[in-house]
Amino acid sequence: MTLASRAPLLFAGLAMAGLVACGDSTADRKLPGGEPAQTEAGQDTNVVPGVEPKVSGSEPAVAVLQPIGKTVDVDLGPNLGGCTFEKDDAVLLIAGAPDDTDARGKGVIKVGGVDRLMTGTTPGGPPAIDAGPTMTDGEYTVTVERGAGDGKSVGVESSQWPADLIVRKDMANERRYADGTWTCGV
C-alpha cells in the first residue's frame, strides 16, 4: 500500500483524534462557585423546566376509548363466557373465545364512535382471555395486565381481578387505563 492510498485513512484518523481532543468535557469545567459541572447519565440538558420534551412517536396521540354500549356493531362469534375490562363504571373492552385452545379469541373496543373488532395475538382459548389477552386490529393493540391469583368471586360464576388496560396505536404510542377491573364469567 502506497502513502497516497493511505492518505484518506490517515486524514480520517487525524480528524477523529482532533474531535476527541476538542470535545467539551463537562467533568473538567467548573461552575462559578467552584463546583464541577456534571451531567447525570441520561439527563436531558435541553429541557425547559415545566415544558414536556417532545418524544419521538408521540404524534398522533392514542384516541381515548369510549364506553361500549349494550349492543356492539361487530360479531365476536361463538364464545364460552367472556370478559370485560371496566374503569369508572364504563366497559372499555369486551373479549371472549370459543372453547378451543387453538382459538385466539376476539374482542371489541370503541374509538371515535366505531366498534373495532380485535383478534387475540396468541392462541389459548378462554384461559388465555381470562389471563389477560393482547389483541389487535392492525392499527390498535390492547393488552390487559390483570392481577395474579384466582380473583374475587363475583355473581354466580364470575371472577374479578384488578387490572390495567394498555392501548397502543400503530405500536408507537400508548394510553394506560390504570386501576380498572377484569371480570370473566361463563
N, C-alpha and C. Protein backbone atom coordinates (compact mmCIF):
# COMPACT_ATOMS: atom_id res chain seq x y z
N MET A 1 0.86 -1.16 0.00
CA MET A 1 0.00 0.00 0.00
C MET A 1 0.91 1.23 0.00
N THR A 2 0.63 2.19 -0.88
CA THR A 2 1.45 3.39 -1.00
C THR A 2 0.95 4.46 -0.06
N LEU A 3 1.77 5.46 0.14
CA LEU A 3 1.39 6.58 1.01
C LEU A 3 0.15 7.27 0.47
N ALA A 4 0.04 7.38 -0.86
CA ALA A 4 -1.12 8.03 -1.46
C ALA A 4 -2.40 7.26 -1.16
N SER A 5 -2.32 5.93 -1.14
CA SER A 5 -3.53 5.15 -0.86
C SER A 5 -3.86 5.14 0.62
N ARG A 6 -2.89 5.45 1.48
CA ARG A 6 -3.14 5.51 2.92
C ARG A 6 -3.60 6.89 3.37
N ALA A 7 -3.47 7.88 2.54
CA ALA A 7 -3.79 9.26 2.91
C ALA A 7 -5.22 9.42 3.43
N PRO A 8 -6.24 8.87 2.75
CA PRO A 8 -7.60 9.05 3.28
C PRO A 8 -7.76 8.46 4.68
N LEU A 9 -7.15 7.30 4.93
CA LEU A 9 -7.23 6.70 6.26
C LEU A 9 -6.51 7.55 7.29
N LEU A 10 -5.36 8.08 6.91
CA LEU A 10 -4.58 8.92 7.80
C LEU A 10 -5.35 10.18 8.16
N PHE A 11 -5.95 10.85 7.16
CA PHE A 11 -6.72 12.07 7.42
C PHE A 11 -7.95 11.77 8.28
N ALA A 12 -8.61 10.65 8.04
CA ALA A 12 -9.79 10.28 8.84
C ALA A 12 -9.39 10.05 10.29
N GLY A 13 -8.26 9.37 10.50
CA GLY A 13 -7.79 9.13 11.86
C GLY A 13 -7.42 10.42 12.57
N LEU A 14 -6.74 11.33 11.86
CA LEU A 14 -6.38 12.62 12.45
C LEU A 14 -7.62 13.45 12.77
N ALA A 15 -8.61 13.41 11.90
CA ALA A 15 -9.84 14.17 12.14
C ALA A 15 -10.54 13.66 13.39
N MET A 16 -10.60 12.34 13.56
CA MET A 16 -11.25 11.79 14.75
C MET A 16 -10.48 12.16 16.01
N ALA A 17 -9.16 12.09 15.95
CA ALA A 17 -8.35 12.45 17.10
C ALA A 17 -8.56 13.92 17.46
N GLY A 18 -8.69 14.77 16.44
CA GLY A 18 -8.93 16.18 16.68
C GLY A 18 -10.27 16.43 17.34
N LEU A 19 -11.28 15.70 16.91
CA LEU A 19 -12.61 15.86 17.52
C LEU A 19 -12.60 15.44 18.98
N VAL A 20 -11.92 14.35 19.28
CA VAL A 20 -11.84 13.88 20.65
C VAL A 20 -11.10 14.89 21.50
N ALA A 21 -10.00 15.43 21.00
CA ALA A 21 -9.20 16.38 21.75
C ALA A 21 -9.95 17.68 21.99
N CYS A 22 -10.80 18.08 21.04
CA CYS A 22 -11.53 19.34 21.16
C CYS A 22 -12.88 19.16 21.84
N GLY A 23 -13.22 17.95 22.23
CA GLY A 23 -14.53 17.69 22.84
C GLY A 23 -14.71 18.50 24.10
N ASP A 24 -15.96 18.77 24.42
CA ASP A 24 -16.32 19.56 25.59
C ASP A 24 -16.57 18.62 26.75
N SER A 25 -15.61 18.44 27.61
CA SER A 25 -15.76 17.55 28.75
C SER A 25 -16.36 18.32 29.90
N THR A 26 -17.55 17.92 30.33
CA THR A 26 -18.19 18.61 31.45
C THR A 26 -17.50 18.28 32.76
N ALA A 27 -16.73 17.19 32.79
CA ALA A 27 -16.07 16.81 34.03
C ALA A 27 -14.97 17.81 34.39
N ASP A 28 -14.37 18.48 33.39
CA ASP A 28 -13.28 19.41 33.64
C ASP A 28 -13.75 20.83 33.88
N ARG A 29 -14.99 21.15 33.55
CA ARG A 29 -15.46 22.53 33.71
C ARG A 29 -15.87 22.78 35.16
N LYS A 30 -15.80 24.01 35.57
CA LYS A 30 -16.20 24.41 36.91
C LYS A 30 -17.31 25.45 36.81
N LEU A 31 -18.25 25.37 37.72
CA LEU A 31 -19.29 26.37 37.84
C LEU A 31 -18.72 27.57 38.57
N PRO A 32 -19.42 28.74 38.53
CA PRO A 32 -18.88 29.93 39.21
C PRO A 32 -18.54 29.70 40.67
N GLY A 33 -19.24 28.83 41.37
CA GLY A 33 -18.96 28.57 42.79
C GLY A 33 -17.82 27.59 42.99
N GLY A 34 -17.16 27.15 41.90
CA GLY A 34 -16.06 26.21 42.01
C GLY A 34 -16.47 24.75 41.93
N GLU A 35 -17.79 24.47 41.84
CA GLU A 35 -18.25 23.09 41.77
C GLU A 35 -18.11 22.59 40.33
N PRO A 36 -17.79 21.30 40.17
CA PRO A 36 -17.69 20.77 38.81
C PRO A 36 -19.06 20.71 38.14
N ALA A 37 -19.10 21.01 36.85
CA ALA A 37 -20.34 20.91 36.08
C ALA A 37 -20.45 19.49 35.58
N GLN A 38 -21.43 18.76 36.08
CA GLN A 38 -21.61 17.37 35.67
C GLN A 38 -23.02 17.15 35.18
N THR A 39 -23.16 16.22 34.28
CA THR A 39 -24.46 15.84 33.77
C THR A 39 -24.68 14.38 34.11
N GLU A 40 -25.80 14.08 34.77
CA GLU A 40 -26.13 12.70 35.08
C GLU A 40 -26.35 11.93 33.80
N ALA A 41 -26.04 10.67 33.79
CA ALA A 41 -26.28 9.83 32.61
C ALA A 41 -27.76 9.82 32.31
N GLY A 42 -28.10 10.06 31.05
CA GLY A 42 -29.50 10.02 30.64
C GLY A 42 -30.25 11.31 30.89
N GLN A 43 -29.63 12.30 31.52
CA GLN A 43 -30.30 13.56 31.81
C GLN A 43 -30.35 14.39 30.54
N ASP A 44 -31.52 14.93 30.21
CA ASP A 44 -31.67 15.77 29.02
C ASP A 44 -31.39 17.21 29.43
N THR A 45 -30.30 17.78 28.93
CA THR A 45 -29.92 19.13 29.32
C THR A 45 -30.60 20.20 28.49
N ASN A 46 -31.40 19.81 27.49
CA ASN A 46 -32.08 20.78 26.64
C ASN A 46 -33.56 20.89 26.96
N VAL A 47 -33.97 20.55 28.16
CA VAL A 47 -35.37 20.59 28.55
C VAL A 47 -35.62 21.83 29.37
N VAL A 48 -36.63 22.60 28.98
CA VAL A 48 -37.01 23.79 29.72
C VAL A 48 -37.88 23.35 30.89
N PRO A 49 -37.58 23.80 32.12
CA PRO A 49 -38.41 23.39 33.25
C PRO A 49 -39.88 23.73 33.01
N GLY A 50 -40.74 22.77 33.32
CA GLY A 50 -42.18 22.98 33.17
C GLY A 50 -42.71 22.69 31.78
N VAL A 51 -41.83 22.38 30.83
CA VAL A 51 -42.25 22.08 29.46
C VAL A 51 -41.89 20.64 29.15
N GLU A 52 -42.88 19.86 28.72
CA GLU A 52 -42.64 18.47 28.37
C GLU A 52 -41.79 18.37 27.12
N PRO A 53 -40.74 17.55 27.14
CA PRO A 53 -39.96 17.38 25.92
C PRO A 53 -40.77 16.60 24.89
N LYS A 54 -40.57 16.90 23.61
CA LYS A 54 -41.26 16.16 22.55
C LYS A 54 -40.56 14.82 22.40
N VAL A 55 -41.33 13.76 22.48
CA VAL A 55 -40.80 12.41 22.41
C VAL A 55 -41.12 11.83 21.04
N SER A 56 -40.16 11.19 20.44
CA SER A 56 -40.37 10.56 19.15
C SER A 56 -41.51 9.56 19.24
N GLY A 57 -42.41 9.60 18.28
CA GLY A 57 -43.53 8.68 18.27
C GLY A 57 -44.72 9.16 19.07
N SER A 58 -44.68 10.41 19.56
CA SER A 58 -45.78 10.88 20.38
C SER A 58 -46.90 11.52 19.57
N GLU A 59 -46.76 11.61 18.27
CA GLU A 59 -47.80 12.17 17.41
C GLU A 59 -48.28 11.12 16.45
N PRO A 60 -49.50 10.95 16.15
CA PRO A 60 -50.64 11.49 16.86
C PRO A 60 -50.92 10.69 18.12
N ALA A 61 -51.56 11.32 19.06
CA ALA A 61 -51.85 10.66 20.33
C ALA A 61 -52.87 9.54 20.14
N VAL A 62 -52.85 8.59 21.05
CA VAL A 62 -53.81 7.50 21.02
C VAL A 62 -55.17 8.05 21.42
N ALA A 63 -56.17 7.74 20.63
CA ALA A 63 -57.52 8.21 20.92
C ALA A 63 -58.01 7.63 22.25
N VAL A 64 -58.90 8.35 22.89
CA VAL A 64 -59.49 7.88 24.14
C VAL A 64 -60.55 6.83 23.80
N LEU A 65 -60.53 5.71 24.53
CA LEU A 65 -61.56 4.70 24.33
C LEU A 65 -62.89 5.24 24.85
N GLN A 66 -63.95 4.86 24.16
CA GLN A 66 -65.29 5.24 24.59
C GLN A 66 -65.98 4.04 25.20
N PRO A 67 -66.91 4.27 26.12
CA PRO A 67 -67.63 3.14 26.72
C PRO A 67 -68.39 2.36 25.65
N ILE A 68 -68.39 1.05 25.81
CA ILE A 68 -69.11 0.17 24.89
C ILE A 68 -70.54 0.06 25.40
N GLY A 69 -71.49 0.22 24.49
CA GLY A 69 -72.90 0.16 24.86
C GLY A 69 -73.39 -1.27 25.04
N LYS A 70 -74.69 -1.40 25.23
CA LYS A 70 -75.32 -2.72 25.43
C LYS A 70 -75.22 -3.58 24.18
N THR A 71 -75.19 -2.96 23.00
CA THR A 71 -75.04 -3.71 21.75
C THR A 71 -73.79 -3.21 21.04
N VAL A 72 -73.15 -4.12 20.29
CA VAL A 72 -71.96 -3.75 19.53
C VAL A 72 -72.20 -4.05 18.06
N ASP A 73 -71.48 -3.34 17.20
CA ASP A 73 -71.65 -3.49 15.76
C ASP A 73 -70.70 -4.50 15.14
N VAL A 74 -70.11 -5.38 15.95
CA VAL A 74 -69.22 -6.41 15.42
C VAL A 74 -69.67 -7.76 15.97
N ASP A 75 -69.35 -8.82 15.24
CA ASP A 75 -69.70 -10.17 15.64
C ASP A 75 -68.48 -10.82 16.29
N LEU A 76 -68.59 -11.11 17.56
CA LEU A 76 -67.49 -11.76 18.27
C LEU A 76 -67.49 -13.27 18.06
N GLY A 77 -68.50 -13.80 17.39
CA GLY A 77 -68.57 -15.23 17.14
C GLY A 77 -68.95 -15.99 18.39
N PRO A 78 -68.93 -17.33 18.31
CA PRO A 78 -69.29 -18.14 19.48
C PRO A 78 -68.23 -18.01 20.57
N ASN A 79 -68.67 -17.88 21.79
CA ASN A 79 -67.76 -17.73 22.92
C ASN A 79 -68.21 -18.61 24.07
N LEU A 80 -67.24 -19.08 24.83
CA LEU A 80 -67.52 -19.75 26.09
C LEU A 80 -67.31 -18.69 27.17
N GLY A 81 -68.39 -18.06 27.59
CA GLY A 81 -68.27 -16.98 28.55
C GLY A 81 -67.67 -15.75 27.91
N GLY A 82 -67.03 -14.94 28.71
CA GLY A 82 -66.41 -13.73 28.20
C GLY A 82 -65.87 -12.90 29.34
N CYS A 83 -65.13 -11.86 28.98
CA CYS A 83 -64.52 -10.98 29.97
C CYS A 83 -64.75 -9.53 29.58
N THR A 84 -64.74 -8.66 30.57
CA THR A 84 -64.86 -7.22 30.32
C THR A 84 -63.81 -6.48 31.14
N PHE A 85 -63.25 -5.43 30.54
CA PHE A 85 -62.42 -4.50 31.29
C PHE A 85 -63.29 -3.29 31.57
N GLU A 86 -63.35 -2.92 32.86
CA GLU A 86 -64.20 -1.81 33.27
C GLU A 86 -63.38 -0.83 34.09
N LYS A 87 -63.59 0.45 33.82
CA LYS A 87 -62.94 1.52 34.58
C LYS A 87 -63.97 2.60 34.84
N ASP A 88 -64.12 3.00 36.08
CA ASP A 88 -65.08 4.05 36.46
C ASP A 88 -66.48 3.74 35.90
N ASP A 89 -66.94 2.51 36.09
CA ASP A 89 -68.28 2.06 35.67
C ASP A 89 -68.50 2.09 34.17
N ALA A 90 -67.44 2.16 33.37
CA ALA A 90 -67.57 2.13 31.91
C ALA A 90 -66.84 0.91 31.37
N VAL A 91 -67.52 0.12 30.55
CA VAL A 91 -66.90 -1.04 29.91
C VAL A 91 -66.11 -0.55 28.70
N LEU A 92 -64.79 -0.82 28.68
CA LEU A 92 -63.92 -0.34 27.60
C LEU A 92 -63.44 -1.46 26.68
N LEU A 93 -63.55 -2.72 27.12
CA LEU A 93 -63.15 -3.86 26.30
C LEU A 93 -64.03 -5.04 26.66
N ILE A 94 -64.54 -5.72 25.64
CA ILE A 94 -65.24 -6.99 25.81
C ILE A 94 -64.44 -8.02 25.02
N ALA A 95 -64.17 -9.18 25.62
CA ALA A 95 -63.39 -10.21 24.93
C ALA A 95 -63.90 -11.59 25.28
N GLY A 96 -63.71 -12.51 24.36
CA GLY A 96 -64.09 -13.90 24.60
C GLY A 96 -63.45 -14.80 23.58
N ALA A 97 -63.60 -16.11 23.78
CA ALA A 97 -63.03 -17.09 22.85
C ALA A 97 -63.89 -18.34 22.86
N PRO A 98 -63.93 -19.05 21.72
CA PRO A 98 -64.63 -20.34 21.71
C PRO A 98 -63.88 -21.36 22.57
N ASP A 99 -64.56 -22.43 22.93
CA ASP A 99 -63.97 -23.47 23.76
C ASP A 99 -63.00 -24.32 22.94
N ASP A 100 -61.86 -23.73 22.61
CA ASP A 100 -60.85 -24.37 21.77
C ASP A 100 -59.51 -23.73 22.10
N THR A 101 -58.56 -24.53 22.57
CA THR A 101 -57.27 -23.96 22.98
C THR A 101 -56.46 -23.42 21.80
N ASP A 102 -56.88 -23.72 20.57
CA ASP A 102 -56.21 -23.15 19.40
C ASP A 102 -56.82 -21.81 19.00
N ALA A 103 -57.92 -21.41 19.65
CA ALA A 103 -58.60 -20.16 19.30
C ALA A 103 -57.84 -18.97 19.87
N ARG A 104 -57.82 -17.89 19.09
CA ARG A 104 -57.15 -16.66 19.51
C ARG A 104 -58.09 -15.72 20.26
N GLY A 105 -59.35 -15.92 20.16
CA GLY A 105 -60.30 -15.04 20.83
C GLY A 105 -60.51 -13.76 20.07
N LYS A 106 -61.60 -13.09 20.38
CA LYS A 106 -61.93 -11.81 19.76
C LYS A 106 -62.41 -10.85 20.83
N GLY A 107 -62.29 -9.57 20.50
CA GLY A 107 -62.72 -8.55 21.43
C GLY A 107 -63.20 -7.33 20.67
N VAL A 108 -63.71 -6.37 21.41
CA VAL A 108 -64.18 -5.13 20.81
C VAL A 108 -63.83 -3.96 21.72
N ILE A 109 -63.36 -2.87 21.09
CA ILE A 109 -63.18 -1.58 21.75
C ILE A 109 -63.94 -0.56 20.91
N LYS A 110 -64.19 0.60 21.49
CA LYS A 110 -64.87 1.66 20.73
C LYS A 110 -63.96 2.89 20.68
N VAL A 111 -63.65 3.32 19.44
CA VAL A 111 -62.81 4.50 19.21
C VAL A 111 -63.52 5.38 18.19
N GLY A 112 -63.69 6.65 18.50
CA GLY A 112 -64.32 7.58 17.56
C GLY A 112 -65.73 7.17 17.17
N GLY A 113 -66.46 6.56 18.10
CA GLY A 113 -67.83 6.14 17.84
C GLY A 113 -67.95 4.85 17.04
N VAL A 114 -66.83 4.20 16.74
CA VAL A 114 -66.82 2.98 15.93
C VAL A 114 -66.37 1.80 16.77
N ASP A 115 -67.16 0.71 16.74
CA ASP A 115 -66.76 -0.53 17.39
C ASP A 115 -65.68 -1.18 16.53
N ARG A 116 -64.54 -1.50 17.14
CA ARG A 116 -63.41 -2.09 16.41
C ARG A 116 -63.21 -3.52 16.86
N LEU A 117 -63.23 -4.45 15.91
CA LEU A 117 -63.04 -5.87 16.18
C LEU A 117 -61.56 -6.16 16.38
N MET A 118 -61.23 -6.74 17.51
CA MET A 118 -59.85 -7.07 17.85
C MET A 118 -59.70 -8.60 17.82
N THR A 119 -58.52 -9.07 17.45
CA THR A 119 -58.23 -10.51 17.43
C THR A 119 -57.04 -10.78 18.34
N GLY A 120 -57.10 -11.85 19.12
CA GLY A 120 -56.01 -12.22 20.01
C GLY A 120 -54.72 -12.47 19.25
N THR A 121 -53.60 -12.09 19.84
CA THR A 121 -52.31 -12.28 19.18
C THR A 121 -51.74 -13.67 19.40
N THR A 122 -52.24 -14.38 20.40
CA THR A 122 -51.78 -15.75 20.65
C THR A 122 -52.97 -16.65 20.91
N PRO A 123 -52.87 -17.93 20.53
CA PRO A 123 -53.96 -18.86 20.81
C PRO A 123 -54.00 -19.22 22.29
N GLY A 124 -55.05 -19.87 22.69
CA GLY A 124 -55.16 -20.31 24.09
C GLY A 124 -56.59 -20.43 24.55
N GLY A 125 -57.55 -20.02 23.71
CA GLY A 125 -58.96 -20.15 24.07
C GLY A 125 -59.33 -19.32 25.28
N PRO A 126 -60.41 -19.73 25.98
CA PRO A 126 -60.87 -18.98 27.15
C PRO A 126 -59.82 -18.77 28.24
N PRO A 127 -58.95 -19.75 28.54
CA PRO A 127 -57.94 -19.48 29.57
C PRO A 127 -57.01 -18.31 29.22
N ALA A 128 -56.67 -18.16 27.93
CA ALA A 128 -55.81 -17.04 27.52
C ALA A 128 -56.54 -15.72 27.68
N ILE A 129 -57.83 -15.70 27.42
CA ILE A 129 -58.61 -14.48 27.60
C ILE A 129 -58.71 -14.16 29.09
N ASP A 130 -59.04 -15.16 29.91
CA ASP A 130 -59.15 -14.95 31.35
C ASP A 130 -57.85 -14.40 31.95
N ALA A 131 -56.70 -14.88 31.45
CA ALA A 131 -55.40 -14.48 31.99
C ALA A 131 -55.02 -13.05 31.64
N GLY A 132 -55.72 -12.45 30.67
CA GLY A 132 -55.40 -11.09 30.23
C GLY A 132 -54.76 -11.13 28.87
N PRO A 133 -55.55 -10.93 27.82
CA PRO A 133 -55.04 -11.08 26.46
C PRO A 133 -54.35 -9.83 25.92
N THR A 134 -53.64 -10.04 24.82
CA THR A 134 -53.22 -8.95 23.94
C THR A 134 -53.96 -9.17 22.64
N MET A 135 -54.64 -8.12 22.16
CA MET A 135 -55.46 -8.21 20.95
C MET A 135 -55.15 -7.04 20.04
N THR A 136 -55.36 -7.22 18.74
CA THR A 136 -55.08 -6.15 17.79
C THR A 136 -56.05 -6.19 16.62
N ASP A 137 -56.19 -5.04 15.98
CA ASP A 137 -56.93 -4.97 14.71
C ASP A 137 -55.99 -4.48 13.60
N GLY A 138 -54.70 -4.45 13.88
CA GLY A 138 -53.72 -3.98 12.91
C GLY A 138 -53.34 -2.52 13.12
N GLU A 139 -54.22 -1.74 13.68
CA GLU A 139 -53.93 -0.34 13.98
C GLU A 139 -53.81 -0.13 15.49
N TYR A 140 -54.79 -0.62 16.23
CA TYR A 140 -54.79 -0.54 17.68
C TYR A 140 -54.44 -1.90 18.27
N THR A 141 -53.69 -1.88 19.37
CA THR A 141 -53.38 -3.09 20.11
C THR A 141 -53.73 -2.83 21.57
N VAL A 142 -54.44 -3.76 22.18
CA VAL A 142 -54.80 -3.64 23.59
C VAL A 142 -54.19 -4.80 24.36
N THR A 143 -53.74 -4.52 25.57
CA THR A 143 -53.21 -5.54 26.45
C THR A 143 -53.84 -5.36 27.82
N VAL A 144 -54.35 -6.46 28.36
CA VAL A 144 -54.89 -6.45 29.72
C VAL A 144 -53.82 -7.00 30.65
N GLU A 145 -53.41 -6.20 31.62
CA GLU A 145 -52.49 -6.65 32.67
C GLU A 145 -53.31 -6.83 33.92
N ARG A 146 -53.66 -8.08 34.20
CA ARG A 146 -54.55 -8.34 35.33
C ARG A 146 -53.77 -8.85 36.53
N GLY A 147 -54.38 -8.71 37.69
CA GLY A 147 -53.77 -9.18 38.93
C GLY A 147 -53.61 -10.69 38.93
N ALA A 148 -52.76 -11.19 39.82
CA ALA A 148 -52.48 -12.62 39.92
C ALA A 148 -53.55 -13.33 40.75
N GLY A 149 -53.50 -14.63 40.71
CA GLY A 149 -54.36 -15.44 41.57
C GLY A 149 -55.69 -15.78 40.94
N ASP A 150 -56.59 -16.27 41.81
CA ASP A 150 -57.90 -16.74 41.35
C ASP A 150 -58.93 -15.63 41.22
N GLY A 151 -58.61 -14.45 41.67
CA GLY A 151 -59.57 -13.35 41.58
C GLY A 151 -60.62 -13.43 42.67
N LYS A 152 -61.44 -12.41 42.72
CA LYS A 152 -62.52 -12.32 43.70
C LYS A 152 -63.78 -12.85 43.04
N SER A 153 -64.50 -13.69 43.75
CA SER A 153 -65.75 -14.25 43.23
C SER A 153 -66.81 -13.15 43.14
N VAL A 154 -67.44 -13.04 41.96
CA VAL A 154 -68.45 -12.03 41.72
C VAL A 154 -69.65 -12.71 41.06
N GLY A 155 -70.84 -12.47 41.56
CA GLY A 155 -72.01 -13.07 40.95
C GLY A 155 -72.00 -14.58 41.07
N VAL A 156 -72.67 -15.25 40.12
CA VAL A 156 -72.83 -16.70 40.18
C VAL A 156 -71.57 -17.44 39.74
N GLU A 157 -71.07 -17.17 38.55
CA GLU A 157 -69.91 -17.90 38.04
C GLU A 157 -68.87 -16.97 37.44
N SER A 158 -68.58 -15.88 38.11
CA SER A 158 -67.62 -14.90 37.59
C SER A 158 -66.52 -14.63 38.60
N SER A 159 -65.37 -14.24 38.08
CA SER A 159 -64.24 -13.82 38.91
C SER A 159 -63.77 -12.46 38.42
N GLN A 160 -63.22 -11.69 39.36
CA GLN A 160 -62.79 -10.32 39.04
C GLN A 160 -61.41 -10.08 39.62
N TRP A 161 -60.57 -9.38 38.84
CA TRP A 161 -59.21 -9.04 39.24
C TRP A 161 -58.98 -7.54 39.04
N PRO A 162 -58.10 -6.95 39.83
CA PRO A 162 -57.66 -5.60 39.50
C PRO A 162 -56.86 -5.69 38.20
N ALA A 163 -56.97 -4.68 37.35
CA ALA A 163 -56.29 -4.75 36.06
C ALA A 163 -56.04 -3.36 35.48
N ASP A 164 -55.07 -3.32 34.58
CA ASP A 164 -54.80 -2.14 33.76
C ASP A 164 -55.03 -2.53 32.31
N LEU A 165 -55.47 -1.58 31.51
CA LEU A 165 -55.65 -1.80 30.08
C LEU A 165 -54.70 -0.84 29.36
N ILE A 166 -53.82 -1.38 28.53
CA ILE A 166 -52.89 -0.56 27.77
C ILE A 166 -53.35 -0.58 26.32
N VAL A 167 -53.50 0.61 25.74
CA VAL A 167 -53.94 0.74 24.35
C VAL A 167 -52.80 1.39 23.58
N ARG A 168 -52.38 0.74 22.49
CA ARG A 168 -51.31 1.28 21.64
C ARG A 168 -51.86 1.52 20.25
N LYS A 169 -51.40 2.58 19.62
CA LYS A 169 -51.78 2.88 18.24
C LYS A 169 -50.54 2.73 17.38
N ASP A 170 -50.63 1.88 16.37
CA ASP A 170 -49.50 1.63 15.46
C ASP A 170 -48.23 1.25 16.22
N MET A 171 -48.39 0.65 17.39
CA MET A 171 -47.28 0.19 18.23
C MET A 171 -46.27 1.30 18.55
N ALA A 172 -46.71 2.56 18.49
CA ALA A 172 -45.80 3.66 18.75
C ALA A 172 -46.19 4.47 19.98
N ASN A 173 -47.46 4.67 20.19
CA ASN A 173 -47.93 5.50 21.29
C ASN A 173 -48.86 4.67 22.15
N GLU A 174 -48.96 4.99 23.41
CA GLU A 174 -49.85 4.22 24.26
C GLU A 174 -50.58 5.08 25.27
N ARG A 175 -51.70 4.56 25.71
CA ARG A 175 -52.51 5.16 26.77
C ARG A 175 -52.82 4.04 27.75
N ARG A 176 -52.66 4.30 29.04
CA ARG A 176 -52.90 3.29 30.07
C ARG A 176 -54.14 3.67 30.88
N TYR A 177 -55.04 2.71 30.98
CA TYR A 177 -56.21 2.84 31.84
C TYR A 177 -55.91 2.02 33.09
N ALA A 178 -55.43 2.69 34.13
CA ALA A 178 -54.98 2.01 35.34
C ALA A 178 -56.14 1.86 36.33
N ASP A 179 -55.96 0.91 37.22
CA ASP A 179 -56.89 0.69 38.34
C ASP A 179 -58.31 0.37 37.89
N GLY A 180 -58.42 -0.45 36.87
CA GLY A 180 -59.73 -0.94 36.45
C GLY A 180 -59.94 -2.35 36.96
N THR A 181 -60.94 -3.04 36.40
CA THR A 181 -61.19 -4.43 36.77
C THR A 181 -61.34 -5.27 35.51
N TRP A 182 -60.90 -6.51 35.60
CA TRP A 182 -61.05 -7.52 34.55
C TRP A 182 -61.96 -8.59 35.13
N THR A 183 -63.16 -8.70 34.57
CA THR A 183 -64.16 -9.62 35.09
C THR A 183 -64.46 -10.67 34.02
N CYS A 184 -64.38 -11.94 34.41
CA CYS A 184 -64.61 -13.04 33.48
C CYS A 184 -65.65 -13.99 34.07
N GLY A 185 -66.52 -14.49 33.20
CA GLY A 185 -67.55 -15.42 33.65
C GLY A 185 -67.98 -16.34 32.55
N VAL A 186 -68.70 -17.37 32.94
CA VAL A 186 -69.20 -18.35 31.97
C VAL A 186 -70.60 -17.99 31.55
